[in-house]
Amino acid sequence: MRIVPRQHRGALVLAVAGDLDIDNVAPLGAALESAARDGEGPVVVDLSDVSFADSTTVNVLLQGQSLLGPRLRLAAPSPFMERLIGLLGLDSALPVLPTVAEAVDPSLPS
């Protein structure tokens, strides 16, 4: 698992890649906690390169939502993540946008 943070138009984008599971998802939780503590703009989790995620990952994302509220947005889910989000109905708890650009600025047309 790898997280690459970057600033994009006032938002913190966390590009996450690889397999996310109980053994390695803690850095994502730490990044979300840090963003809640240190920032004010949107926090976008780019899921385009996530090949696997387990229930621990879902829990970390939901905890992030508790910390960040509407600032947290999921973006560009990989096919695996799109299926997981759909099966769990995670999109009813968290905004899931098709691209990072739309997550940074939700007023953009789809």
PDB file of N, CA and C in Angstrom:
ATOM      1  N   MET A   1       0.839  -1.166   0.000  1.00  0.00           N
ATOM      2  CA  MET A   1       0.000   0.000   0.000  1.00  0.00           C
ATOM      3  C   MET A   1       0.885   1.230   0.000  1.00  0.00           C
ATOM      4  N   ARG A   2       0.465   2.220  -0.753  1.00  0.00           N
ATOM      5  CA  ARG A   2       1.223   3.469  -0.868  1.00  0.00           C
ATOM      6  C   ARG A   2       0.233   4.631  -0.847  1.00  0.00           C
ATOM      7  N   ILE A   3       0.606   5.713  -0.150  1.00  0.00           N
ATOM      8  CA  ILE A   3      -0.185   6.943  -0.140  1.00  0.00           C
ATOM      9  C   ILE A   3       0.720   8.073  -0.604  1.00  0.00           C
ATOM     10  N   VAL A   4       0.264   8.794  -1.609  1.00  0.00           N
ATOM     11  CA  VAL A   4       1.005   9.954  -2.097  1.00  0.00           C
ATOM     12  C   VAL A   4       0.110  11.175  -1.897  1.00  0.00           C
ATOM     13  N   PRO A   5       0.456  12.022  -0.916  1.00  0.00           N
ATOM     14  CA  PRO A   5      -0.335  13.240  -0.704  1.00  0.00           C
ATOM     15  C   PRO A   5       0.117  14.362  -1.632  1.00  0.00           C
ATOM     16  N   ARG A   6      -0.827  15.176  -2.062  1.00  0.00           N
ATOM     17  CA  ARG A   6      -0.491  16.358  -2.854  1.00  0.00           C
ATOM     18  C   ARG A   6      -1.593  17.401  -2.665  1.00  0.00           C
ATOM     19  N   GLN A   7      -1.240  18.633  -2.875  1.00  0.00           N
ATOM     20  CA  GLN A   7      -2.223  19.721  -2.854  1.00  0.00           C
ATOM     21  C   GLN A   7      -2.715  19.944  -4.281  1.00  0.00           C
ATOM     22  N   HIS A   8      -4.008  20.150  -4.421  1.00  0.00           N
ATOM     23  CA  HIS A   8      -4.586  20.401  -5.743  1.00  0.00           C
ATOM     24  C   HIS A   8      -5.744  21.380  -5.575  1.00  0.00           C
ATOM     25  N   ARG A   9      -5.538  22.607  -6.044  1.00  0.00           N
ATOM     26  CA  ARG A   9      -6.578  23.641  -6.019  1.00  0.00           C
ATOM     27  C   ARG A   9      -7.232  23.782  -4.642  1.00  0.00           C
ATOM     28  N   GLY A  10      -6.417  23.834  -3.601  1.00  0.00           N
ATOM     29  CA  GLY A  10      -6.923  24.047  -2.250  1.00  0.00           C
ATOM     30  C   GLY A  10      -7.368  22.793  -1.524  1.00  0.00           C
ATOM     31  N   ALA A  11      -7.258  21.645  -2.166  1.00  0.00           N
ATOM     32  CA  ALA A  11      -7.655  20.383  -1.547  1.00  0.00           C
ATOM     33  C   ALA A  11      -6.420  19.514  -1.298  1.00  0.00           C
ATOM     34  N   LEU A  12      -6.485  18.724  -0.259  1.00  0.00           N
ATOM     35  CA  LEU A  12      -5.484  17.691  -0.035  1.00  0.00           C
ATOM     36  C   LEU A  12      -5.968  16.435  -0.733  1.00  0.00           C
ATOM     37  N   VAL A  13      -5.187  15.935  -1.672  1.00  0.00           N
ATOM     38  CA  VAL A  13      -5.516  14.702  -2.382  1.00  0.00           C
ATOM     39  C   VAL A  13      -4.581  13.616  -1.877  1.00  0.00           C
ATOM     40  N   LEU A  14      -5.164  12.527  -1.405  1.00  0.00           N
ATOM     41  CA  LEU A  14      -4.401  11.368  -0.954  1.00  0.00           C
ATOM     42  C   LEU A  14      -4.575  10.276  -2.004  1.00  0.00           C
ATOM     43  N   ALA A  15      -3.571  10.099  -2.845  1.00  0.00           N
ATOM     44  CA  ALA A  15      -3.626   9.055  -3.874  1.00  0.00           C
ATOM     45  C   ALA A  15      -3.179   7.755  -3.223  1.00  0.00           C
ATOM     46  N   VAL A  16      -4.100   6.810  -3.141  1.00  0.00           N
ATOM     47  CA  VAL A  16      -3.853   5.540  -2.471  1.00  0.00           C
ATOM     48  C   VAL A  16      -3.707   4.457  -3.539  1.00  0.00           C
ATOM     49  N   ALA A  17      -2.716   3.578  -3.361  1.00  0.00           N
ATOM     50  CA  ALA A  17      -2.479   2.528  -4.347  1.00  0.00           C
ATOM     51  C   ALA A  17      -2.174   1.212  -3.659  1.00  0.00           C
ATOM     52  N   GLY A  18      -2.551   0.123  -4.324  1.00  0.00           N
ATOM     53  CA  GLY A  18      -2.230  -1.210  -3.829  1.00  0.00           C
ATOM     54  C   GLY A  18      -3.370  -1.848  -3.059  1.00  0.00           C
ATOM     55  N   ASP A  19      -3.004  -2.832  -2.243  1.00  0.00           N
ATOM     56  CA  ASP A  19      -3.960  -3.557  -1.414  1.00  0.00           C
ATOM     57  C   ASP A  19      -4.038  -2.893  -0.049  1.00  0.00           C
ATOM     58  N   LEU A  20      -5.262  -2.649   0.426  1.00  0.00           N
ATOM     59  CA  LEU A  20      -5.484  -2.064   1.743  1.00  0.00           C
ATOM     60  C   LEU A  20      -6.140  -3.111   2.628  1.00  0.00           C
ATOM     61  N   ASP A  21      -5.452  -3.444   3.708  1.00  0.00           N
ATOM     62  CA  ASP A  21      -6.039  -4.423   4.632  1.00  0.00           C
ATOM     63  C   ASP A  21      -5.593  -4.127   6.052  1.00  0.00           C
ATOM     64  N   ILE A  22      -6.000  -4.968   6.970  1.00  0.00           N
ATOM     65  CA  ILE A  22      -5.746  -4.753   8.387  1.00  0.00           C
ATOM     66  C   ILE A  22      -4.264  -4.562   8.700  1.00  0.00           C
ATOM     67  N   ASP A  23      -3.393  -5.159   7.903  1.00  0.00           N
ATOM     68  CA  ASP A  23      -1.956  -5.090   8.162  1.00  0.00           C
ATOM     69  C   ASP A  23      -1.307  -3.786   7.720  1.00  0.00           C
ATOM     70  N   ASN A  24      -1.970  -3.011   6.840  1.00  0.00           N
ATOM     71  CA  ASN A  24      -1.265  -1.844   6.312  1.00  0.00           C
ATOM     72  C   ASN A  24      -2.113  -0.585   6.134  1.00  0.00           C
ATOM     73  N   VAL A  25      -3.333  -0.577   6.610  1.00  0.00           N
ATOM     74  CA  VAL A  25      -4.209   0.573   6.367  1.00  0.00           C
ATOM     75  C   VAL A  25      -4.020   1.698   7.394  1.00  0.00           C
ATOM     76  N   ALA A  26      -3.275   1.449   8.459  1.00  0.00           N
ATOM     77  CA  ALA A  26      -3.083   2.463   9.502  1.00  0.00           C
ATOM     78  C   ALA A  26      -2.552   3.800   8.970  1.00  0.00           C
ATOM     79  N   PRO A  27      -1.614   3.819   8.009  1.00  0.00           N
ATOM     80  CA  PRO A  27      -1.151   5.117   7.502  1.00  0.00           C
ATOM     81  C   PRO A  27      -2.263   5.958   6.861  1.00  0.00           C
ATOM     82  N   LEU A  28      -3.260   5.321   6.267  1.00  0.00           N
ATOM     83  CA  LEU A  28      -4.378   6.075   5.713  1.00  0.00           C
ATOM     84  C   LEU A  28      -5.161   6.731   6.844  1.00  0.00           C
ATOM     85  N   GLY A  29      -5.416   5.984   7.912  1.00  0.00           N
ATOM     86  CA  GLY A  29      -6.096   6.560   9.069  1.00  0.00           C
ATOM     87  C   GLY A  29      -5.316   7.727   9.652  1.00  0.00           C
ATOM     88  N   ALA A  30      -3.996   7.571   9.742  1.00  0.00           N
ATOM     89  CA  ALA A  30      -3.146   8.643  10.273  1.00  0.00           C
ATOM     90  C   ALA A  30      -3.187   9.872   9.366  1.00  0.00           C
ATOM     91  N   ALA A  31      -3.202   9.663   8.058  1.00  0.00           N
ATOM     92  CA  ALA A  31      -3.261  10.785   7.111  1.00  0.00           C
ATOM     93  C   ALA A  31      -4.588  11.535   7.238  1.00  0.00           C
ATOM     94  N   LEU A  32      -5.676  10.803   7.433  1.00  0.00           N
ATOM     95  CA  LEU A  32      -6.982  11.442   7.598  1.00  0.00           C
ATOM     96  C   LEU A  32      -7.052  12.203   8.922  1.00  0.00           C
ATOM     97  N   GLU A  33      -6.494  11.625   9.985  1.00  0.00           N
ATOM     98  CA  GLU A  33      -6.448  12.318  11.280  1.00  0.00           C
ATOM     99  C   GLU A  33      -5.630  13.596  11.179  1.00  0.00           C
ATOM    100  N   SER A  34      -4.496  13.518  10.515  1.00  0.00           N
ATOM    101  CA  SER A  34      -3.642  14.686  10.338  1.00  0.00           C
ATOM    102  C   SER A  34      -4.368  15.768   9.544  1.00  0.00           C
ATOM    103  N   ALA A  35      -5.077  15.384   8.504  1.00  0.00           N
ATOM    104  CA  ALA A  35      -5.825  16.342   7.692  1.00  0.00           C
ATOM    105  C   ALA A  35      -6.913  17.021   8.519  1.00  0.00           C
ATOM    106  N   ALA A  36      -7.553  16.273   9.400  1.00  0.00           N
ATOM    107  CA  ALA A  36      -8.598  16.841  10.248  1.00  0.00           C
ATOM    108  C   ALA A  36      -8.007  17.848  11.229  1.00  0.00           C
ATOM    109  N   ARG A  37      -6.837  17.549  11.695  1.00  0.00           N
ATOM    110  CA  ARG A  37      -6.170  18.388  12.693  1.00  0.00           C
ATOM    111  C   ARG A  37      -5.549  19.637  12.066  1.00  0.00           C
ATOM    112  N   ASP A  38      -4.979  19.491  10.870  1.00  0.00           N
ATOM    113  CA  ASP A  38      -4.124  20.530  10.315  1.00  0.00           C
ATOM    114  C   ASP A  38      -4.716  21.345   9.174  1.00  0.00           C
ATOM    115  N   GLY A  39      -5.783  20.909   8.560  1.00  0.00           N
ATOM    116  CA  GLY A  39      -6.257  21.591   7.365  1.00  0.00           C
ATOM    117  C   GLY A  39      -7.683  22.055   7.470  1.00  0.00           C
ATOM    118  N   GLU A  40      -8.116  22.738   6.408  1.00  0.00           N
ATOM    119  CA  GLU A  40      -9.488  23.238   6.381  1.00  0.00           C
ATOM    120  C   GLU A  40     -10.221  22.937   5.077  1.00  0.00           C
ATOM    121  N   GLY A  41      -9.498  22.652   4.010  1.00  0.00           N
ATOM    122  CA  GLY A  41     -10.135  22.427   2.717  1.00  0.00           C
ATOM    123  C   GLY A  41     -10.579  20.984   2.547  1.00  0.00           C
ATOM    124  N   PRO A  42     -11.062  20.676   1.363  1.00  0.00           N
ATOM    125  CA  PRO A  42     -11.488  19.307   1.066  1.00  0.00           C
ATOM    126  C   PRO A  42     -10.334  18.311   1.182  1.00  0.00           C
ATOM    127  N   VAL A  43     -10.683  17.102   1.569  1.00  0.00           N
ATOM    128  CA  VAL A  43      -9.731  15.993   1.611  1.00  0.00           C
ATOM    129  C   VAL A  43     -10.283  14.924   0.679  1.00  0.00           C
ATOM    130  N   VAL A  44      -9.551  14.650  -0.383  1.00  0.00           N
ATOM    131  CA  VAL A  44      -9.994  13.728  -1.425  1.00  0.00           C
ATOM    132  C   VAL A  44      -9.132  12.472  -1.368  1.00  0.00           C
ATOM    133  N   VAL A  45      -9.777  11.319  -1.235  1.00  0.00           N
ATOM    134  CA  VAL A  45      -9.062  10.049  -1.272  1.00  0.00           C
ATOM    135  C   VAL A  45      -9.242   9.476  -2.676  1.00  0.00           C
ATOM    136  N   ASP A  46      -8.150   9.490  -3.431  1.00  0.00           N
ATOM    137  CA  ASP A  46      -8.142   8.978  -4.806  1.00  0.00           C
ATOM    138  C   ASP A  46      -7.978   7.467  -4.742  1.00  0.00           C
ATOM    139  N   LEU A  47      -9.020   6.748  -5.131  1.00  0.00           N
ATOM    140  CA  LEU A  47      -9.047   5.284  -5.039  1.00  0.00           C
ATOM    141  C   LEU A  47      -8.790   4.596  -6.369  1.00  0.00           C
ATOM    142  N   SER A  48      -8.293   5.316  -7.343  1.00  0.00           N
ATOM    143  CA  SER A  48      -8.169   4.754  -8.694  1.00  0.00           C
ATOM    144  C   SER A  48      -7.172   3.605  -8.794  1.00  0.00           C
ATOM    145  N   ASP A  49      -6.195   3.544  -7.900  1.00  0.00           N
ATOM    146  CA  ASP A  49      -5.188   2.481  -7.971  1.00  0.00           C
ATOM    147  C   ASP A  49      -5.284   1.477  -6.828  1.00  0.00           C
ATOM    148  N   VAL A  50      -6.444   1.403  -6.186  1.00  0.00           N
ATOM    149  CA  VAL A  50      -6.638   0.428  -5.104  1.00  0.00           C
ATOM    150  C   VAL A  50      -7.108  -0.881  -5.726  1.00  0.00           C
ATOM    151  N   SER A  51      -6.337  -1.939  -5.477  1.00  0.00           N
ATOM    152  CA  SER A  51      -6.673  -3.234  -6.066  1.00  0.00           C
ATOM    153  C   SER A  51      -7.447  -4.135  -5.111  1.00  0.00           C
ATOM    154  N   PHE A  52      -7.388  -3.855  -3.807  1.00  0.00           N
ATOM    155  CA  PHE A  52      -8.119  -4.645  -2.813  1.00  0.00           C
ATOM    156  C   PHE A  52      -8.298  -3.806  -1.561  1.00  0.00           C
ATOM    157  N   ALA A  53      -9.416  -3.985  -0.887  1.00  0.00           N
ATOM    158  CA  ALA A  53      -9.649  -3.346   0.407  1.00  0.00           C
ATOM    159  C   ALA A  53     -10.544  -4.271   1.226  1.00  0.00           C
ATOM    160  N   ASP A  54     -10.295  -4.296   2.540  1.00  0.00           N
ATOM    161  CA  ASP A  54     -11.117  -5.122   3.415  1.00  0.00           C
ATOM    162  C   ASP A  54     -11.978  -4.241   4.317  1.00  0.00           C
ATOM    163  N   SER A  55     -12.666  -4.871   5.254  1.00  0.00           N
ATOM    164  CA  SER A  55     -13.573  -4.137   6.138  1.00  0.00           C
ATOM    165  C   SER A  55     -12.834  -3.138   7.016  1.00  0.00           C
ATOM    166  N   THR A  56     -11.577  -3.401   7.315  1.00  0.00           N
ATOM    167  CA  THR A  56     -10.795  -2.456   8.106  1.00  0.00           C
ATOM    168  C   THR A  56     -10.652  -1.136   7.348  1.00  0.00           C
ATOM    169  N   THR A  57     -10.462  -1.221   6.060  1.00  0.00           N
ATOM    170  CA  THR A  57     -10.340  -0.031   5.226  1.00  0.00           C
ATOM    171  C   THR A  57     -11.645   0.756   5.237  1.00  0.00           C
ATOM    172  N   VAL A  58     -12.754   0.069   5.112  1.00  0.00           N
ATOM    173  CA  VAL A  58     -14.058   0.733   5.160  1.00  0.00           C
ATOM    174  C   VAL A  58     -14.214   1.441   6.502  1.00  0.00           C
ATOM    175  N   ASN A  59     -13.821   0.779   7.579  1.00  0.00           N
ATOM    176  CA  ASN A  59     -13.906   1.377   8.903  1.00  0.00           C
ATOM    177  C   ASN A  59     -13.048   2.640   8.992  1.00  0.00           C
ATOM    178  N   VAL A  60     -11.831   2.599   8.443  1.00  0.00           N
ATOM    179  CA  VAL A  60     -10.942   3.772   8.444  1.00  0.00           C
ATOM    180  C   VAL A  60     -11.592   4.925   7.673  1.00  0.00           C
ATOM    181  N   LEU A  61     -12.203   4.637   6.544  1.00  0.00           N
ATOM    182  CA  LEU A  61     -12.863   5.687   5.768  1.00  0.00           C
ATOM    183  C   LEU A  61     -14.043   6.286   6.535  1.00  0.00           C
ATOM    184  N   LEU A  62     -14.806   5.435   7.216  1.00  0.00           N
ATOM    185  CA  LEU A  62     -15.932   5.941   7.997  1.00  0.00           C
ATOM    186  C   LEU A  62     -15.459   6.748   9.204  1.00  0.00           C
ATOM    187  N   GLN A  63     -14.354   6.323   9.813  1.00  0.00           N
ATOM    188  CA  GLN A  63     -13.773   7.116  10.900  1.00  0.00           C
ATOM    189  C   GLN A  63     -13.294   8.468  10.364  1.00  0.00           C
ATOM    190  N   GLY A  64     -12.724   8.449   9.167  1.00  0.00           N
ATOM    191  CA  GLY A  64     -12.309   9.695   8.527  1.00  0.00           C
ATOM    192  C   GLY A  64     -13.489  10.623   8.306  1.00  0.00           C
ATOM    193  N   GLN A  65     -14.614  10.062   7.930  1.00  0.00           N
ATOM    194  CA  GLN A  65     -15.819  10.859   7.728  1.00  0.00           C
ATOM    195  C   GLN A  65     -16.277  11.466   9.053  1.00  0.00           C
ATOM    196  N   SER A  66     -16.139  10.718  10.139  1.00  0.00           N
ATOM    197  CA  SER A  66     -16.484  11.257  11.454  1.00  0.00           C
ATOM    198  C   SER A  66     -15.589  12.435  11.818  1.00  0.00           C
ATOM    199  N   LEU A  67     -14.315  12.348  11.461  1.00  0.00           N
ATOM    200  CA  LEU A  67     -13.363  13.416  11.765  1.00  0.00           C
ATOM    201  C   LEU A  67     -13.512  14.625  10.844  1.00  0.00           C
ATOM    202  N   LEU A  68     -13.745  14.366   9.561  1.00  0.00           N
ATOM    203  CA  LEU A  68     -13.698  15.418   8.550  1.00  0.00           C
ATOM    204  C   LEU A  68     -15.070  15.898   8.092  1.00  0.00           C
ATOM    205  N   GLY A  69     -16.093  15.124   8.340  1.00  0.00           N
ATOM    206  CA  GLY A  69     -17.425  15.501   7.887  1.00  0.00           C
ATOM    207  C   GLY A  69     -17.475  15.655   6.377  1.00  0.00           C
ATOM    208  N   PRO A  70     -18.166  16.692   5.908  1.00  0.00           N
ATOM    209  CA  PRO A  70     -18.331  16.867   4.456  1.00  0.00           C
ATOM    210  C   PRO A  70     -17.041  17.230   3.719  1.00  0.00           C
ATOM    211  N   ARG A  71     -15.965  17.482   4.454  1.00  0.00           N
ATOM    212  CA  ARG A  71     -14.678  17.747   3.786  1.00  0.00           C
ATOM    213  C   ARG A  71     -14.135  16.501   3.102  1.00  0.00           C
ATOM    214  N   LEU A  72     -14.502  15.303   3.582  1.00  0.00           N
ATOM    215  CA  LEU A  72     -13.970  14.054   3.035  1.00  0.00           C
ATOM    216  C   LEU A  72     -14.769  13.624   1.818  1.00  0.00           C
ATOM    217  N   ARG A  73     -14.040  13.311   0.757  1.00  0.00           N
ATOM    218  CA  ARG A  73     -14.660  12.843  -0.492  1.00  0.00           C
ATOM    219  C   ARG A  73     -13.822  11.707  -1.057  1.00  0.00           C
ATOM    220  N   LEU A  74     -14.489  10.701  -1.566  1.00  0.00           N
ATOM    221  CA  LEU A  74     -13.809   9.610  -2.258  1.00  0.00           C
ATOM    222  C   LEU A  74     -13.892   9.894  -3.749  1.00  0.00           C
ATOM    223  N   ALA A  75     -12.835   9.529  -4.471  1.00  0.00           N
ATOM    224  CA  ALA A  75     -12.808   9.867  -5.902  1.00  0.00           C
ATOM    225  C   ALA A  75     -12.245   8.735  -6.737  1.00  0.00           C
ATOM    226  N   ALA A  76     -12.731   8.663  -7.955  1.00  0.00           N
ATOM    227  CA  ALA A  76     -12.201   7.786  -9.001  1.00  0.00           C
ATOM    228  C   ALA A  76     -12.003   6.348  -8.535  1.00  0.00           C
ATOM    229  N   PRO A  77     -13.036   5.721  -7.972  1.00  0.00           N
ATOM    230  CA  PRO A  77     -12.830   4.364  -7.461  1.00  0.00           C
ATOM    231  C   PRO A  77     -12.442   3.384  -8.565  1.00  0.00           C
ATOM    232  N   SER A  78     -11.476   2.522  -8.248  1.00  0.00           N
ATOM    233  CA  SER A  78     -11.093   1.441  -9.158  1.00  0.00           C
ATOM    234  C   SER A  78     -12.292   0.503  -9.309  1.00  0.00           C
ATOM    235  N   PRO A  79     -12.272  -0.389 -10.288  1.00  0.00           N
ATOM    236  CA  PRO A  79     -13.386  -1.333 -10.424  1.00  0.00           C
ATOM    237  C   PRO A  79     -13.648  -2.118  -9.127  1.00  0.00           C
ATOM    238  N   PHE A  80     -12.584  -2.552  -8.439  1.00  0.00           N
ATOM    239  CA  PHE A  80     -12.787  -3.271  -7.187  1.00  0.00           C
ATOM    240  C   PHE A  80     -13.482  -2.381  -6.168  1.00  0.00           C
ATOM    241  N   MET A  81     -12.999  -1.158  -6.008  1.00  0.00           N
ATOM    242  CA  MET A  81     -13.577  -0.252  -5.016  1.00  0.00           C
ATOM    243  C   MET A  81     -14.995   0.156  -5.391  1.00  0.00           C
ATOM    244  N   GLU A  82     -15.244   0.333  -6.660  1.00  0.00           N
ATOM    245  CA  GLU A  82     -16.597   0.668  -7.108  1.00  0.00           C
ATOM    246  C   GLU A  82     -17.579  -0.436  -6.708  1.00  0.00           C
ATOM    247  N   ARG A  83     -17.156  -1.670  -6.900  1.00  0.00           N
ATOM    248  CA  ARG A  83     -18.006  -2.806  -6.526  1.00  0.00           C
ATOM    249  C   ARG A  83     -18.191  -2.859  -5.013  1.00  0.00           C
ATOM    250  N   LEU A  84     -17.112  -2.688  -4.257  1.00  0.00           N
ATOM    251  CA  LEU A  84     -17.196  -2.718  -2.795  1.00  0.00           C
ATOM    252  C   LEU A  84     -18.095  -1.599  -2.268  1.00  0.00           C
ATOM    253  N   ILE A  85     -17.917  -0.410  -2.792  1.00  0.00           N
ATOM    254  CA  ILE A  85     -18.741   0.734  -2.381  1.00  0.00           C
ATOM    255  C   ILE A  85     -20.207   0.459  -2.665  1.00  0.00           C
ATOM    256  N   GLY A  86     -20.490  -0.094  -3.841  1.00  0.00           N
ATOM    257  CA  GLY A  86     -21.868  -0.417  -4.201  1.00  0.00           C
ATOM    258  C   GLY A  86     -22.471  -1.494  -3.330  1.00  0.00           C
ATOM    259  N   LEU A  87     -21.708  -2.549  -3.064  1.00  0.00           N
ATOM    260  CA  LEU A  87     -22.217  -3.656  -2.241  1.00  0.00           C
ATOM    261  C   LEU A  87     -22.522  -3.217  -0.816  1.00  0.00           C
ATOM    262  N   LEU A  88     -21.668  -2.351  -0.279  1.00  0.00           N
ATOM    263  CA  LEU A  88     -21.838  -1.921   1.112  1.00  0.00           C
ATOM    264  C   LEU A  88     -22.725  -0.689   1.251  1.00  0.00           C
ATOM    265  N   GLY A  89     -23.057  -0.041   0.145  1.00  0.00           N
ATOM    266  CA  GLY A  89     -23.829   1.192   0.208  1.00  0.00           C
ATOM    267  C   GLY A  89     -23.036   2.328   0.836  1.00  0.00           C
ATOM    268  N   LEU A  90     -21.715   2.253   0.720  1.00  0.00           N
ATOM    269  CA  LEU A  90     -20.841   3.261   1.310  1.00  0.00           C
ATOM    270  C   LEU A  90     -21.107   4.648   0.725  1.00  0.00           C
ATOM    271  N   ASP A  91     -21.594   4.690  -0.505  1.00  0.00           N
ATOM    272  CA  ASP A  91     -21.881   5.971  -1.141  1.00  0.00           C
ATOM    273  C   ASP A  91     -23.061   6.690  -0.501  1.00  0.00           C
ATOM    274  N   SER A  92     -23.798   6.023   0.378  1.00  0.00           N
ATOM    275  CA  SER A  92     -24.861   6.712   1.114  1.00  0.00           C
ATOM    276  C   SER A  92     -24.297   7.440   2.336  1.00  0.00           C
ATOM    277  N   ALA A  93     -23.088   7.071   2.757  1.00  0.00           N
ATOM    278  CA  ALA A  93     -22.452   7.712   3.915  1.00  0.00           C
ATOM    279  C   ALA A  93     -21.376   8.703   3.510  1.00  0.00           C
ATOM    280  N   LEU A  94     -20.753   8.477   2.364  1.00  0.00           N
ATOM    281  CA  LEU A  94     -19.639   9.310   1.909  1.00  0.00           C
ATOM    282  C   LEU A  94     -19.858   9.739   0.465  1.00  0.00           C
ATOM    283  N   PRO A  95     -19.482  10.970   0.128  1.00  0.00           N
ATOM    284  CA  PRO A  95     -19.561  11.358  -1.279  1.00  0.00           C
ATOM    285  C   PRO A  95     -18.521  10.594  -2.097  1.00  0.00           C
ATOM    286  N   VAL A  96     -18.976  10.004  -3.181  1.00  0.00           N
ATOM    287  CA  VAL A  96     -18.083   9.283  -4.094  1.00  0.00           C
ATOM    288  C   VAL A  96     -18.258   9.938  -5.462  1.00  0.00           C
ATOM    289  N   LEU A  97     -17.161  10.512  -5.971  1.00  0.00           N
ATOM    290  CA  LEU A  97     -17.220  11.214  -7.240  1.00  0.00           C
ATOM    291  C   LEU A  97     -16.371  10.483  -8.274  1.00  0.00           C
ATOM    292  N   PRO A  98     -16.739  10.585  -9.547  1.00  0.00           N
ATOM    293  CA  PRO A  98     -16.062   9.802 -10.584  1.00  0.00           C
ATOM    294  C   PRO A  98     -14.623  10.217 -10.869  1.00  0.00           C
ATOM    295  N   THR A  99     -14.272  11.477 -10.584  1.00  0.00           N
ATOM    296  CA  THR A  99     -12.911  11.936 -10.853  1.00  0.00           C
ATOM    297  C   THR A  99     -12.396  12.753  -9.671  1.00  0.00           C
ATOM    298  N   VAL A 100     -11.084  12.868  -9.591  1.00  0.00           N
ATOM    299  CA  VAL A 100     -10.471  13.704  -8.561  1.00  0.00           C
ATOM    300  C   VAL A 100     -10.871  15.160  -8.781  1.00  0.00           C
ATOM    301  N   ALA A 101     -10.889  15.612 -10.029  1.00  0.00           N
ATOM    302  CA  ALA A 101     -11.249  17.008 -10.319  1.00  0.00           C
ATOM    303  C   ALA A 101     -12.643  17.337  -9.794  1.00  0.00           C
ATOM    304  N   GLU A 102     -13.596  16.430  -9.979  1.00  0.00           N
ATOM    305  CA  GLU A 102     -14.955  16.661  -9.486  1.00  0.00           C
ATOM    306  C   GLU A 102     -15.018  16.606  -7.964  1.00  0.00           C
ATOM    307  N   ALA A 103     -14.173  15.788  -7.363  1.00  0.00           N
ATOM    308  CA  ALA A 103     -14.141  15.717  -5.901  1.00  0.00           C
ATOM    309  C   ALA A 103     -13.535  16.994  -5.302  1.00  0.00           C
ATOM    310  N   VAL A 104     -12.528  17.541  -5.976  1.00  0.00           N
ATOM    311  CA  VAL A 104     -11.925  18.795  -5.525  1.00  0.00           C
ATOM    312  C   VAL A 104     -12.936  19.927  -5.657  1.00  0.00           C
ATOM    313  N   ASP A 105     -13.671  19.941  -6.770  1.00  0.00           N
ATOM    314  CA  ASP A 105     -14.655  20.993  -7.019  1.00  0.00           C
ATOM    315  C   ASP A 105     -15.954  20.337  -7.486  1.00  0.00           C
ATOM    316  N   PRO A 106     -16.843  19.967  -6.523  1.00  0.00           N
ATOM    317  CA  PRO A 106     -18.074  19.261  -6.875  1.00  0.00           C
ATOM    318  C   PRO A 106     -19.013  20.037  -7.791  1.00  0.00           C
ATOM    319  N   SER A 107     -18.770  21.337  -7.993  1.00  0.00           N
ATOM    320  CA  SER A 107     -19.650  22.108  -8.873  1.00  0.00           C
ATOM    321  C   SER A 107     -19.364  21.836 -10.342  1.00  0.00           C
ATOM    322  N   LEU A 108     -18.262  21.117 -10.640  1.00  0.00           N
ATOM    323  CA  LEU A 108     -17.954  20.786 -12.028  1.00  0.00           C
ATOM    324  C   LEU A 108     -19.020  19.841 -12.574  1.00  0.00           C
ATOM    325  N   PRO A 109     -19.382  19.970 -13.832  1.00  0.00           N
ATOM    326  CA  PRO A 109     -20.359  19.046 -14.408  1.00  0.00           C
ATOM    327  C   PRO A 109     -19.766  17.644 -14.554  1.00  0.00           C
ATOM    328  N   SER A 110     -20.617  16.649 -14.404  1.00  0.00           N
ATOM    329  CA  SER A 110     -20.172  15.256 -14.559  1.00  0.00           C
ATOM    330  C   SER A 110     -19.946  14.913 -16.003  1.00  0.00           C
TER     331      SER A 110
END
